[in-house]
Amino acid sequence: YMLWFRQAPGKEREGVAACYPRGGSTYYADSVKVRFTISK
């Protein structure tokens, strides 16, 4: 399983986008949905 996450200074880690490359499921944080796209 693959994940992109981010961390800004003084902030908690935040998962951004995740996927299972051998499957079709993808997941996005509400803050980035539509704007960001994960691919492989």
Full PDB file with SEQRES, HELIX, SHEET, SSBOND, CRYST1, ORIGX, SCALE, CONECT and MASTER records, all heavy atoms in Angstrom:
SEQRES   1 A   40  TYR MET LEU TRP PHE ARG GLN ALA PRO GLY LYS GLU ARG          
SEQRES   2 A   40  GLU GLY VAL ALA ALA CYS TYR PRO ARG GLY GLY SER THR          
SEQRES   3 A   40  TYR TYR ALA ASP SER VAL LYS VAL ARG PHE THR ILE SER          
SEQRES   4 A   40  LYS                                                          
SHEET    1 AA1 3 MET A   2  ARG A   6  0                                        
SHEET    2 AA1 3 GLU A  14  CYS A  19 -1                                        
SHEET    3 AA1 3 THR A  26  TYR A  28 -1                                        
CRYST1    1.000    1.000    1.000  90.00  90.00  90.00 P 1           1          
ORIGX1      1.000000  0.000000  0.000000        0.00000                         
ORIGX2      0.000000  1.000000  0.000000        0.00000                         
ORIGX3      0.000000  0.000000  1.000000        0.00000                         
SCALE1      1.000000  0.000000  0.000000        0.00000                         
SCALE2      0.000000  1.000000  0.000000        0.00000                         
SCALE3      0.000000  0.000000  1.000000        0.00000                         
ATOM      1  N   TYR A   1       0.860  -1.165   0.000  1.00  0.00           N  
ATOM      2  CA  TYR A   1       0.000   0.000   0.000  1.00  0.00           C  
ATOM      3  C   TYR A   1       0.903   1.224   0.000  1.00  0.00           C  
ATOM      4  O   TYR A   1       1.964   1.228   0.629  1.00  0.00           O  
ATOM      5  CB  TYR A   1      -0.888   0.025   1.236  1.00  0.00           C  
ATOM      6  CG  TYR A   1      -1.834  -1.144   1.344  1.00  0.00           C  
ATOM      7  CD1 TYR A   1      -1.534  -2.230   2.151  1.00  0.00           C  
ATOM      8  CD2 TYR A   1      -3.044  -1.144   0.652  1.00  0.00           C  
ATOM      9  CE1 TYR A   1      -2.404  -3.301   2.264  1.00  0.00           C  
ATOM     10  CE2 TYR A   1      -3.921  -2.212   0.759  1.00  0.00           C  
ATOM     11  CZ  TYR A   1      -3.596  -3.289   1.561  1.00  0.00           C  
ATOM     12  OH  TYR A   1      -4.465  -4.350   1.674  1.00  0.00           O  
ATOM     13  N   MET A   2       0.479   2.278  -0.683  1.00  0.00           N  
ATOM     14  CA  MET A   2       1.291   3.481  -0.800  1.00  0.00           C  
ATOM     15  C   MET A   2       0.549   4.689  -0.248  1.00  0.00           C  
ATOM     16  O   MET A   2      -0.673   4.793  -0.375  1.00  0.00           O  
ATOM     17  CB  MET A   2       1.661   3.742  -2.262  1.00  0.00           C  
ATOM     18  CG  MET A   2       2.413   2.593  -2.930  1.00  0.00           C  
ATOM     19  SD  MET A   2       3.986   2.177  -2.111  1.00  0.00           S  
ATOM     20  CE  MET A   2       4.884   3.737  -2.254  1.00  0.00           C  
ATOM     21  N   LEU A   3       1.300   5.607   0.339  1.00  0.00           N  
ATOM     22  CA  LEU A   3       0.747   6.812   0.945  1.00  0.00           C  
ATOM     23  C   LEU A   3       1.632   8.010   0.661  1.00  0.00           C  
ATOM     24  O   LEU A   3       2.858   7.906   0.729  1.00  0.00           O  
ATOM     25  CB  LEU A   3       0.622   6.626   2.465  1.00  0.00           C  
ATOM     26  CG  LEU A   3       0.270   7.877   3.286  1.00  0.00           C  
ATOM     27  CD1 LEU A   3      -1.196   8.247   3.079  1.00  0.00           C  
ATOM     28  CD2 LEU A   3       0.572   7.658   4.764  1.00  0.00           C  
ATOM     29  N   TRP A   4       1.017   9.128   0.364  1.00  0.00           N  
ATOM     30  CA  TRP A   4       1.672  10.429   0.434  1.00  0.00           C  
ATOM     31  C   TRP A   4       1.160  11.133   1.687  1.00  0.00           C  
ATOM     32  O   TRP A   4      -0.048  11.224   1.898  1.00  0.00           O  
ATOM     33  CB  TRP A   4       1.353  11.291  -0.786  1.00  0.00           C  
ATOM     34  CG  TRP A   4       2.082  10.904  -2.033  1.00  0.00           C  
ATOM     35  CD1 TRP A   4       1.607  10.164  -3.063  1.00  0.00           C  
ATOM     36  CD2 TRP A   4       3.430  11.265  -2.372  1.00  0.00           C  
ATOM     37  NE1 TRP A   4       2.572  10.031  -4.037  1.00  0.00           N  
ATOM     38  CE2 TRP A   4       3.697  10.702  -3.629  1.00  0.00           C  
ATOM     39  CE3 TRP A   4       4.427  12.015  -1.737  1.00  0.00           C  
ATOM     40  CZ2 TRP A   4       4.931  10.856  -4.272  1.00  0.00           C  
ATOM     41  CZ3 TRP A   4       5.647  12.167  -2.370  1.00  0.00           C  
ATOM     42  CH2 TRP A   4       5.886  11.588  -3.624  1.00  0.00           C  
ATOM     43  N   PHE A   5       2.075  11.625   2.518  1.00  0.00           N  
ATOM     44  CA  PHE A   5       1.675  12.427   3.664  1.00  0.00           C  
ATOM     45  C   PHE A   5       2.574  13.639   3.763  1.00  0.00           C  
ATOM     46  O   PHE A   5       3.620  13.708   3.122  1.00  0.00           O  
ATOM     47  CB  PHE A   5       1.667  11.607   4.969  1.00  0.00           C  
ATOM     48  CG  PHE A   5       3.020  11.240   5.506  1.00  0.00           C  
ATOM     49  CD1 PHE A   5       3.660  12.052   6.440  1.00  0.00           C  
ATOM     50  CD2 PHE A   5       3.642  10.068   5.112  1.00  0.00           C  
ATOM     51  CE1 PHE A   5       4.901  11.699   6.960  1.00  0.00           C  
ATOM     52  CE2 PHE A   5       4.881   9.704   5.625  1.00  0.00           C  
ATOM     53  CZ  PHE A   5       5.509  10.528   6.548  1.00  0.00           C  
ATOM     54  N   ARG A   6       2.159  14.604   4.573  1.00  0.00           N  
ATOM     55  CA  ARG A   6       2.915  15.846   4.683  1.00  0.00           C  
ATOM     56  C   ARG A   6       2.972  16.308   6.131  1.00  0.00           C  
ATOM     57  O   ARG A   6       2.149  15.928   6.957  1.00  0.00           O  
ATOM     58  CB  ARG A   6       2.293  16.937   3.811  1.00  0.00           C  
ATOM     59  CG  ARG A   6       0.893  17.355   4.232  1.00  0.00           C  
ATOM     60  CD  ARG A   6       0.269  18.282   3.197  1.00  0.00           C  
ATOM     61  NE  ARG A   6      -1.060  18.731   3.593  1.00  0.00           N  
ATOM     62  CZ  ARG A   6      -1.851  19.456   2.817  1.00  0.00           C  
ATOM     63  NH1 ARG A   6      -1.456  19.817   1.602  1.00  0.00           N  
ATOM     64  NH2 ARG A   6      -3.058  19.814   3.260  1.00  0.00           N  
ATOM     65  N   GLN A   7       3.964  17.146   6.411  1.00  0.00           N  
ATOM     66  CA  GLN A   7       4.094  17.727   7.727  1.00  0.00           C  
ATOM     67  C   GLN A   7       4.673  19.131   7.607  1.00  0.00           C  
ATOM     68  O   GLN A   7       5.759  19.319   7.063  1.00  0.00           O  
ATOM     69  CB  GLN A   7       4.973  16.877   8.640  1.00  0.00           C  
ATOM     70  CG  GLN A   7       5.005  17.385  10.071  1.00  0.00           C  
ATOM     71  CD  GLN A   7       5.661  16.413  11.028  1.00  0.00           C  
ATOM     72  OE1 GLN A   7       6.575  15.676  10.649  1.00  0.00           O  
ATOM     73  NE2 GLN A   7       5.202  16.404  12.267  1.00  0.00           N  
ATOM     74  N   ALA A   8       3.947  20.105   8.118  1.00  0.00           N  
ATOM     75  CA  ALA A   8       4.407  21.481   8.171  1.00  0.00           C  
ATOM     76  C   ALA A   8       4.993  21.757   9.549  1.00  0.00           C  
ATOM     77  O   ALA A   8       4.639  21.083  10.523  1.00  0.00           O  
ATOM     78  CB  ALA A   8       3.259  22.440   7.881  1.00  0.00           C  
ATOM     79  N   PRO A   9       5.890  22.744   9.676  1.00  0.00           N  
ATOM     80  CA  PRO A   9       6.473  23.063  10.984  1.00  0.00           C  
ATOM     81  C   PRO A   9       5.401  23.335  12.030  1.00  0.00           C  
ATOM     82  O   PRO A   9       4.481  24.122  11.801  1.00  0.00           O  
ATOM     83  CB  PRO A   9       7.307  24.309  10.697  1.00  0.00           C  
ATOM     84  CG  PRO A   9       7.662  24.190   9.250  1.00  0.00           C  
ATOM     85  CD  PRO A   9       6.447  23.580   8.608  1.00  0.00           C  
ATOM     86  N   GLY A  10       5.514  22.678  13.166  1.00  0.00           N  
ATOM     87  CA  GLY A  10       4.564  22.872  14.241  1.00  0.00           C  
ATOM     88  C   GLY A  10       3.229  22.191  14.048  1.00  0.00           C  
ATOM     89  O   GLY A  10       2.331  22.356  14.882  1.00  0.00           O  
ATOM     90  N   LYS A  11       3.067  21.436  12.987  1.00  0.00           N  
ATOM     91  CA  LYS A  11       1.807  20.772  12.692  1.00  0.00           C  
ATOM     92  C   LYS A  11       1.941  19.253  12.777  1.00  0.00           C  
ATOM     93  O   LYS A  11       3.039  18.705  12.707  1.00  0.00           O  
ATOM     94  CB  LYS A  11       1.318  21.144  11.286  1.00  0.00           C  
ATOM     95  CG  LYS A  11       1.155  22.636  11.054  1.00  0.00           C  
ATOM     96  CD  LYS A  11       0.022  23.210  11.867  1.00  0.00           C  
ATOM     97  CE  LYS A  11      -0.188  24.676  11.530  1.00  0.00           C  
ATOM     98  NZ  LYS A  11      -1.312  25.258  12.305  1.00  0.00           N  
ATOM     99  N   GLU A  12       0.808  18.588  12.928  1.00  0.00           N  
ATOM    100  CA  GLU A  12       0.783  17.138  12.927  1.00  0.00           C  
ATOM    101  C   GLU A  12       0.960  16.604  11.510  1.00  0.00           C  
ATOM    102  O   GLU A  12       0.665  17.287  10.533  1.00  0.00           O  
ATOM    103  CB  GLU A  12      -0.537  16.631  13.506  1.00  0.00           C  
ATOM    104  CG  GLU A  12      -0.772  16.991  14.959  1.00  0.00           C  
ATOM    105  CD  GLU A  12       0.192  16.282  15.880  1.00  0.00           C  
ATOM    106  OE1 GLU A  12       0.485  15.084  15.654  1.00  0.00           O  
ATOM    107  OE2 GLU A  12       0.659  16.914  16.838  1.00  0.00           O  
ATOM    108  N   ARG A  13       1.438  15.375  11.418  1.00  0.00           N  
ATOM    109  CA  ARG A  13       1.492  14.711  10.127  1.00  0.00           C  
ATOM    110  C   ARG A  13       0.078  14.516   9.591  1.00  0.00           C  
ATOM    111  O   ARG A  13      -0.841  14.197  10.338  1.00  0.00           O  
ATOM    112  CB  ARG A  13       2.182  13.356  10.243  1.00  0.00           C  
ATOM    113  CG  ARG A  13       3.613  13.428  10.723  1.00  0.00           C  
ATOM    114  CD  ARG A  13       4.262  12.055  10.680  1.00  0.00           C  
ATOM    115  NE  ARG A  13       5.609  12.086  11.220  1.00  0.00           N  
ATOM    116  CZ  ARG A  13       5.928  11.739  12.460  1.00  0.00           C  
ATOM    117  NH1 ARG A  13       4.979  11.329  13.293  1.00  0.00           N  
ATOM    118  NH2 ARG A  13       7.185  11.804  12.859  1.00  0.00           N  
ATOM    119  N   GLU A  14      -0.075  14.710   8.304  1.00  0.00           N  
ATOM    120  CA  GLU A  14      -1.378  14.605   7.673  1.00  0.00           C  
ATOM    121  C   GLU A  14      -1.287  13.711   6.446  1.00  0.00           C  
ATOM    122  O   GLU A  14      -0.549  14.014   5.509  1.00  0.00           O  
ATOM    123  CB  GLU A  14      -1.900  15.982   7.260  1.00  0.00           C  
ATOM    124  CG  GLU A  14      -3.238  15.937   6.539  1.00  0.00           C  
ATOM    125  CD  GLU A  14      -3.662  17.268   5.966  1.00  0.00           C  
ATOM    126  OE1 GLU A  14      -2.801  18.147   5.792  1.00  0.00           O  
ATOM    127  OE2 GLU A  14      -4.869  17.442   5.694  1.00  0.00           O  
ATOM    128  N   GLY A  15      -2.035  12.631   6.442  1.00  0.00           N  
ATOM    129  CA  GLY A  15      -2.132  11.805   5.257  1.00  0.00           C  
ATOM    130  C   GLY A  15      -2.816  12.578   4.145  1.00  0.00           C  
ATOM    131  O   GLY A  15      -3.843  13.220   4.369  1.00  0.00           O  
ATOM    132  N   VAL A  16      -2.269  12.511   2.949  1.00  0.00           N  
ATOM    133  CA  VAL A  16      -2.765  13.280   1.817  1.00  0.00           C  
ATOM    134  C   VAL A  16      -3.517  12.401   0.826  1.00  0.00           C  
ATOM    135  O   VAL A  16      -4.655  12.694   0.452  1.00  0.00           O  
ATOM    136  CB  VAL A  16      -1.614  14.018   1.107  1.00  0.00           C  
ATOM    137  CG1 VAL A  16      -2.099  14.672  -0.185  1.00  0.00           C  
ATOM    138  CG2 VAL A  16      -1.011  15.060   2.043  1.00  0.00           C  
ATOM    139  N   ALA A  17      -2.876  11.326   0.380  1.00  0.00           N  
ATOM    140  CA  ALA A  17      -3.476  10.453  -0.623  1.00  0.00           C  
ATOM    141  C   ALA A  17      -2.869   9.066  -0.507  1.00  0.00           C  
ATOM    142  O   ALA A  17      -1.663   8.934  -0.298  1.00  0.00           O  
ATOM    143  CB  ALA A  17      -3.265  11.009  -2.029  1.00  0.00           C  
ATOM    144  N   ALA A  18      -3.698   8.039  -0.664  1.00  0.00           N  
ATOM    145  CA  ALA A  18      -3.242   6.663  -0.542  1.00  0.00           C  
ATOM    146  C   ALA A  18      -3.852   5.807  -1.639  1.00  0.00           C  
ATOM    147  O   ALA A  18      -4.935   6.111  -2.157  1.00  0.00           O  
ATOM    148  CB  ALA A  18      -3.609   6.091   0.831  1.00  0.00           C  
ATOM    149  N   CYS A  19      -3.168   4.726  -1.969  1.00  0.00           N  
ATOM    150  CA  CYS A  19      -3.691   3.786  -2.949  1.00  0.00           C  
ATOM    151  C   CYS A  19      -3.072   2.421  -2.747  1.00  0.00           C  
ATOM    152  O   CYS A  19      -2.057   2.262  -2.082  1.00  0.00           O  
ATOM    153  CB  CYS A  19      -3.432   4.278  -4.382  1.00  0.00           C  
ATOM    154  SG  CYS A  19      -1.709   4.143  -4.916  1.00  0.00           S  
ATOM    155  N   TYR A  20      -3.719   1.431  -3.337  1.00  0.00           N  
ATOM    156  CA  TYR A  20      -3.157   0.093  -3.447  1.00  0.00           C  
ATOM    157  C   TYR A  20      -2.899  -0.130  -4.929  1.00  0.00           C  
ATOM    158  O   TYR A  20      -3.849  -0.281  -5.700  1.00  0.00           O  
ATOM    159  CB  TYR A  20      -4.091  -0.969  -2.889  1.00  0.00           C  
ATOM    160  CG  TYR A  20      -3.573  -2.375  -3.060  1.00  0.00           C  
ATOM    161  CD1 TYR A  20      -2.277  -2.698  -2.667  1.00  0.00           C  
ATOM    162  CD2 TYR A  20      -4.358  -3.376  -3.612  1.00  0.00           C  
ATOM    163  CE1 TYR A  20      -1.781  -3.984  -2.828  1.00  0.00           C  
ATOM    164  CE2 TYR A  20      -3.874  -4.663  -3.772  1.00  0.00           C  
ATOM    165  CZ  TYR A  20      -2.574  -4.965  -3.375  1.00  0.00           C  
ATOM    166  OH  TYR A  20      -2.086  -6.239  -3.528  1.00  0.00           O  
ATOM    167  N   PRO A  21      -1.623  -0.146  -5.347  1.00  0.00           N  
ATOM    168  CA  PRO A  21      -1.325  -0.187  -6.785  1.00  0.00           C  
ATOM    169  C   PRO A  21      -1.915  -1.362  -7.532  1.00  0.00           C  
ATOM    170  O   PRO A  21      -2.207  -1.243  -8.723  1.00  0.00           O  
ATOM    171  CB  PRO A  21       0.209  -0.245  -6.805  1.00  0.00           C  
ATOM    172  CG  PRO A  21       0.622   0.429  -5.544  1.00  0.00           C  
ATOM    173  CD  PRO A  21      -0.421   0.021  -4.542  1.00  0.00           C  
ATOM    174  N   ARG A  22      -2.089  -2.499  -6.858  1.00  0.00           N  
ATOM    175  CA  ARG A  22      -2.652  -3.679  -7.514  1.00  0.00           C  
ATOM    176  C   ARG A  22      -4.170  -3.703  -7.476  1.00  0.00           C  
ATOM    177  O   ARG A  22      -4.787  -4.641  -7.956  1.00  0.00           O  
ATOM    178  CB  ARG A  22      -2.091  -4.955  -6.888  1.00  0.00           C  
ATOM    179  CG  ARG A  22      -0.783  -5.432  -7.495  1.00  0.00           C  
ATOM    180  CD  ARG A  22       0.348  -4.476  -7.201  1.00  0.00           C  
ATOM    181  NE  ARG A  22       1.633  -4.990  -7.665  1.00  0.00           N  
ATOM    182  CZ  ARG A  22       2.780  -4.338  -7.568  1.00  0.00           C  
ATOM    183  NH1 ARG A  22       2.816  -3.132  -7.008  1.00  0.00           N  
ATOM    184  NH2 ARG A  22       3.900  -4.884  -8.025  1.00  0.00           N  
ATOM    185  N   GLY A  23      -4.758  -2.678  -6.893  1.00  0.00           N  
ATOM    186  CA  GLY A  23      -6.198  -2.541  -6.846  1.00  0.00           C  
ATOM    187  C   GLY A  23      -6.627  -1.183  -7.358  1.00  0.00           C  
ATOM    188  O   GLY A  23      -5.808  -0.391  -7.823  1.00  0.00           O  
ATOM    189  N   GLY A  24      -7.912  -0.908  -7.265  1.00  0.00           N  
ATOM    190  CA  GLY A  24      -8.439   0.333  -7.792  1.00  0.00           C  
ATOM    191  C   GLY A  24      -8.827   1.372  -6.765  1.00  0.00           C  
ATOM    192  O   GLY A  24      -9.305   2.446  -7.139  1.00  0.00           O  
ATOM    193  N   SER A  25      -8.612   1.099  -5.481  1.00  0.00           N  
ATOM    194  CA  SER A  25      -9.043   2.012  -4.440  1.00  0.00           C  
ATOM    195  C   SER A  25      -8.048   3.143  -4.227  1.00  0.00           C  
ATOM    196  O   SER A  25      -6.843   2.916  -4.178  1.00  0.00           O  
ATOM    197  CB  SER A  25      -9.240   1.267  -3.120  1.00  0.00           C  
ATOM    198  OG  SER A  25     -10.261   0.284  -3.241  1.00  0.00           O  
ATOM    199  N   THR A  26      -8.558   4.351  -4.100  1.00  0.00           N  
ATOM    200  CA  THR A  26      -7.761   5.515  -3.742  1.00  0.00           C  
ATOM    201  C   THR A  26      -8.461   6.271  -2.625  1.00  0.00           C  
ATOM    202  O   THR A  26      -9.690   6.211  -2.491  1.00  0.00           O  
ATOM    203  CB  THR A  26      -7.538   6.450  -4.933  1.00  0.00           C  
ATOM    204  OG1 THR A  26      -8.809   6.877  -5.443  1.00  0.00           O  
ATOM    205  CG2 THR A  26      -6.772   5.739  -6.037  1.00  0.00           C  
ATOM    206  N   TYR A  27      -7.684   6.997  -1.833  1.00  0.00           N  
ATOM    207  CA  TYR A  27      -8.207   7.743  -0.700  1.00  0.00           C  
ATOM    208  C   TYR A  27      -7.531   9.101  -0.661  1.00  0.00           C  
ATOM    209  O   TYR A  27      -6.321   9.205  -0.872  1.00  0.00           O  
ATOM    210  CB  TYR A  27      -7.952   6.995   0.612  1.00  0.00           C  
ATOM    211  CG  TYR A  27      -8.536   5.605   0.645  1.00  0.00           C  
ATOM    212  CD1 TYR A  27      -7.835   4.523   0.132  1.00  0.00           C  
ATOM    213  CD2 TYR A  27      -9.796   5.374   1.191  1.00  0.00           C  
ATOM    214  CE1 TYR A  27      -8.371   3.245   0.149  1.00  0.00           C  
ATOM    215  CE2 TYR A  27     -10.336   4.102   1.214  1.00  0.00           C  
ATOM    216  CZ  TYR A  27      -9.623   3.042   0.697  1.00  0.00           C  
ATOM    217  OH  TYR A  27     -10.164   1.779   0.724  1.00  0.00           O  
ATOM    218  N   TYR A  28      -8.314  10.136  -0.362  1.00  0.00           N  
ATOM    219  CA  TYR A  28      -7.797  11.494  -0.312  1.00  0.00           C  
ATOM    220  C   TYR A  28      -8.290  12.201   0.933  1.00  0.00           C  
ATOM    221  O   TYR A  28      -9.438  12.025   1.354  1.00  0.00           O  
ATOM    222  CB  TYR A  28      -8.235  12.296  -1.531  1.00  0.00           C  
ATOM    223  CG  TYR A  28      -7.680  11.791  -2.835  1.00  0.00           C  
ATOM    224  CD1 TYR A  28      -8.390  10.876  -3.605  1.00  0.00           C  
ATOM    225  CD2 TYR A  28      -6.450  12.240  -3.299  1.00  0.00           C  
ATOM    226  CE1 TYR A  28      -7.875  10.408  -4.803  1.00  0.00           C  
ATOM    227  CE2 TYR A  28      -5.934  11.773  -4.500  1.00  0.00           C  
ATOM    228  CZ  TYR A  28      -6.651  10.858  -5.247  1.00  0.00           C  
ATOM    229  OH  TYR A  28      -6.139  10.398  -6.437  1.00  0.00           O  
ATOM    230  N   ALA A  29      -7.413  13.022   1.508  1.00  0.00           N  
ATOM    231  CA  ALA A  29      -7.837  13.908   2.573  1.00  0.00           C  
ATOM    232  C   ALA A  29      -8.807  14.943   2.010  1.00  0.00           C  
ATOM    233  O   ALA A  29      -8.692  15.364   0.857  1.00  0.00           O  
ATOM    234  CB  ALA A  29      -6.631  14.606   3.200  1.00  0.00           C  
ATOM    235  N   ASP A  30      -9.763  15.362   2.833  1.00  0.00           N  
ATOM    236  CA  ASP A  30     -10.745  16.341   2.379  1.00  0.00           C  
ATOM    237  C   ASP A  30     -10.092  17.635   1.898  1.00  0.00           C  
ATOM    238  O   ASP A  30     -10.593  18.288   0.981  1.00  0.00           O  
ATOM    239  CB  ASP A  30     -11.739  16.653   3.496  1.00  0.00           C  
ATOM    240  CG  ASP A  30     -12.672  15.498   3.790  1.00  0.00           C  
ATOM    241  OD1 ASP A  30     -12.797  14.595   2.940  1.00  0.00           O  
ATOM    242  OD2 ASP A  30     -13.290  15.504   4.878  1.00  0.00           O  
ATOM    243  N   SER A  31      -8.973  18.002   2.502  1.00  0.00           N  
ATOM    244  CA  SER A  31      -8.327  19.260   2.176  1.00  0.00           C  
ATOM    245  C   SER A  31      -7.699  19.290   0.788  1.00  0.00           C  
ATOM    246  O   SER A  31      -7.412  20.369   0.260  1.00  0.00           O  
ATOM    247  CB  SER A  31      -7.260  19.595   3.223  1.00  0.00           C  
ATOM    248  OG  SER A  31      -6.264  18.586   3.265  1.00  0.00           O  
ATOM    249  N   VAL A  32      -7.482  18.115   0.183  1.00  0.00           N  
ATOM    250  CA  VAL A  32      -6.807  18.061  -1.115  1.00  0.00           C  
ATOM    251  C   VAL A  32      -7.635  17.383  -2.196  1.00  0.00           C  
ATOM    252  O   VAL A  32      -7.221  17.363  -3.362  1.00  0.00           O  
ATOM    253  CB  VAL A  32      -5.437  17.366  -1.020  1.00  0.00           C  
ATOM    254  CG1 VAL A  32      -4.585  18.015   0.060  1.00  0.00           C  
ATOM    255  CG2 VAL A  32      -5.601  15.874  -0.756  1.00  0.00           C  
ATOM    256  N   LYS A  33      -8.768  16.833  -1.830  1.00  0.00           N  
ATOM    257  CA  LYS A  33      -9.586  16.112  -2.803  1.00  0.00           C  
ATOM    258  C   LYS A  33      -9.944  17.012  -3.983  1.00  0.00           C  
ATOM    259  O   LYS A  33     -10.281  18.177  -3.802  1.00  0.00           O  
ATOM    260  CB  LYS A  33     -10.849  15.575  -2.139  1.00  0.00           C  
ATOM    261  CG  LYS A  33     -11.573  14.527  -2.953  1.00  0.00           C  
ATOM    262  CD  LYS A  33     -12.666  13.860  -2.145  1.00  0.00           C  
ATOM    263  CE  LYS A  33     -13.314  12.725  -2.912  1.00  0.00           C  
ATOM    264  NZ  LYS A  33     -14.358  12.041  -2.102  1.00  0.00           N  
ATOM    265  N   VAL A  34      -9.859  16.465  -5.171  1.00  0.00           N  
ATOM    266  CA  VAL A  34     -10.088  17.143  -6.446  1.00  0.00           C  
ATOM    267  C   VAL A  34      -8.825  17.861  -6.911  1.00  0.00           C  
ATOM    268  O   VAL A  34      -8.456  17.776  -8.083  1.00  0.00           O  
ATOM    269  CB  VAL A  34     -11.279  18.128  -6.411  1.00  0.00           C  
ATOM    270  CG1 VAL A  34     -11.421  18.834  -7.765  1.00  0.00           C  
ATOM    271  CG2 VAL A  34     -12.570  17.403  -6.066  1.00  0.00           C  
ATOM    272  N   ARG A  35      -8.147  18.552  -6.005  1.00  0.00           N  
ATOM    273  CA  ARG A  35      -6.949  19.283  -6.397  1.00  0.00           C  
ATOM    274  C   ARG A  35      -5.743  18.363  -6.615  1.00  0.00           C  
ATOM    275  O   ARG A  35      -4.914  18.626  -7.481  1.00  0.00           O  
ATOM    276  CB  ARG A  35      -6.589  20.333  -5.345  1.00  0.00           C  
ATOM    277  CG  ARG A  35      -7.646  21.405  -5.165  1.00  0.00           C  
ATOM    278  CD  ARG A  35      -7.126  22.528  -4.278  1.00  0.00           C  
ATOM    279  NE  ARG A  35      -6.790  22.068  -2.929  1.00  0.00           N  
ATOM    280  CZ  ARG A  35      -5.583  22.146  -2.382  1.00  0.00           C  
ATOM    281  NH1 ARG A  35      -4.572  22.683  -3.068  1.00  0.00           N  
ATOM    282  NH2 ARG A  35      -5.373  21.720  -1.137  1.00  0.00           N  
ATOM    283  N   PHE A  36      -5.641  17.319  -5.815  1.00  0.00           N  
ATOM    284  CA  PHE A  36      -4.500  16.399  -5.886  1.00  0.00           C  
ATOM    285  C   PHE A  36      -4.947  15.062  -6.463  1.00  0.00           C  
ATOM    286  O   PHE A  36      -6.078  14.619  -6.240  1.00  0.00           O  
ATOM    287  CB  PHE A  36      -3.907  16.146  -4.499  1.00  0.00           C  
ATOM    288  CG  PHE A  36      -3.205  17.321  -3.870  1.00  0.00           C  
ATOM    289  CD1 PHE A  36      -3.277  18.595  -4.411  1.00  0.00           C  
ATOM    290  CD2 PHE A  36      -2.468  17.140  -2.710  1.00  0.00           C  
ATOM    291  CE1 PHE A  36      -2.634  19.672  -3.820  1.00  0.00           C  
ATOM    292  CE2 PHE A  36      -1.815  18.199  -2.110  1.00  0.00           C  
ATOM    293  CZ  PHE A  36      -1.897  19.465  -2.661  1.00  0.00           C  
ATOM    294  N   THR A  37      -4.034  14.390  -7.170  1.00  0.00           N  
ATOM    295  CA  THR A  37      -4.318  13.079  -7.734  1.00  0.00           C  
ATOM    296  C   THR A  37      -3.112  12.165  -7.561  1.00  0.00           C  
ATOM    297  O   THR A  37      -1.993  12.537  -7.909  1.00  0.00           O  
ATOM    298  CB  THR A  37      -4.661  13.176  -9.228  1.00  0.00           C  
ATOM    299  OG1 THR A  37      -5.769  14.064  -9.421  1.00  0.00           O  
ATOM    300  CG2 THR A  37      -5.034  11.797  -9.777  1.00  0.00           C  
ATOM    301  N   ILE A  38      -3.344  10.973  -7.028  1.00  0.00           N  
ATOM    302  CA  ILE A  38      -2.288   9.985  -6.894  1.00  0.00           C  
ATOM    303  C   ILE A  38      -2.332   9.049  -8.096  1.00  0.00           C  
ATOM    304  O   ILE A  38      -3.407   8.700  -8.586  1.00  0.00           O  
ATOM    305  CB  ILE A  38      -2.423   9.204  -5.566  1.00  0.00           C  
ATOM    306  CG1 ILE A  38      -1.174   8.377  -5.293  1.00  0.00           C  
ATOM    307  CG2 ILE A  38      -3.669   8.346  -5.554  1.00  0.00           C  
ATOM    308  CD1 ILE A  38      -1.146   7.785  -3.887  1.00  0.00           C  
ATOM    309  N   SER A  39      -1.161   8.655  -8.576  1.00  0.00           N  
ATOM    310  CA  SER A  39      -1.088   7.754  -9.718  1.00  0.00           C  
ATOM    311  C   SER A  39       0.179   6.914  -9.615  1.00  0.00           C  
ATOM    312  O   SER A  39       1.001   7.117  -8.716  1.00  0.00           O  
ATOM    313  CB  SER A  39      -1.127   8.525 -11.042  1.00  0.00           C  
ATOM    314  OG  SER A  39      -0.021   9.397 -11.153  1.00  0.00           O  
ATOM    315  N   LYS A  40       0.342   5.981 -10.539  1.00  0.00           N  
ATOM    316  CA  LYS A  40       1.470   5.062 -10.468  1.00  0.00           C  
ATOM    317  C   LYS A  40       1.928   4.630 -11.848  1.00  0.00           C  
ATOM    318  O   LYS A  40       1.173   4.689 -12.821  1.00  0.00           O  
ATOM    319  CB  LYS A  40       1.078   3.818  -9.666  1.00  0.00           C  
ATOM    320  CG  LYS A  40      -0.061   3.025 -10.301  1.00  0.00           C  
ATOM    321  CD  LYS A  40      -0.514   1.880  -9.437  1.00  0.00           C  
ATOM    322  CE  LYS A  40      -1.639   1.092 -10.100  1.00  0.00           C  
ATOM    323  NZ  LYS A  40      -2.862   1.907 -10.255  1.00  0.00           N  
TER     324      LYS A  40                                                      
MASTER        0    0    0    0    3    0    0    6  323    1    0    4          
END                                                                             
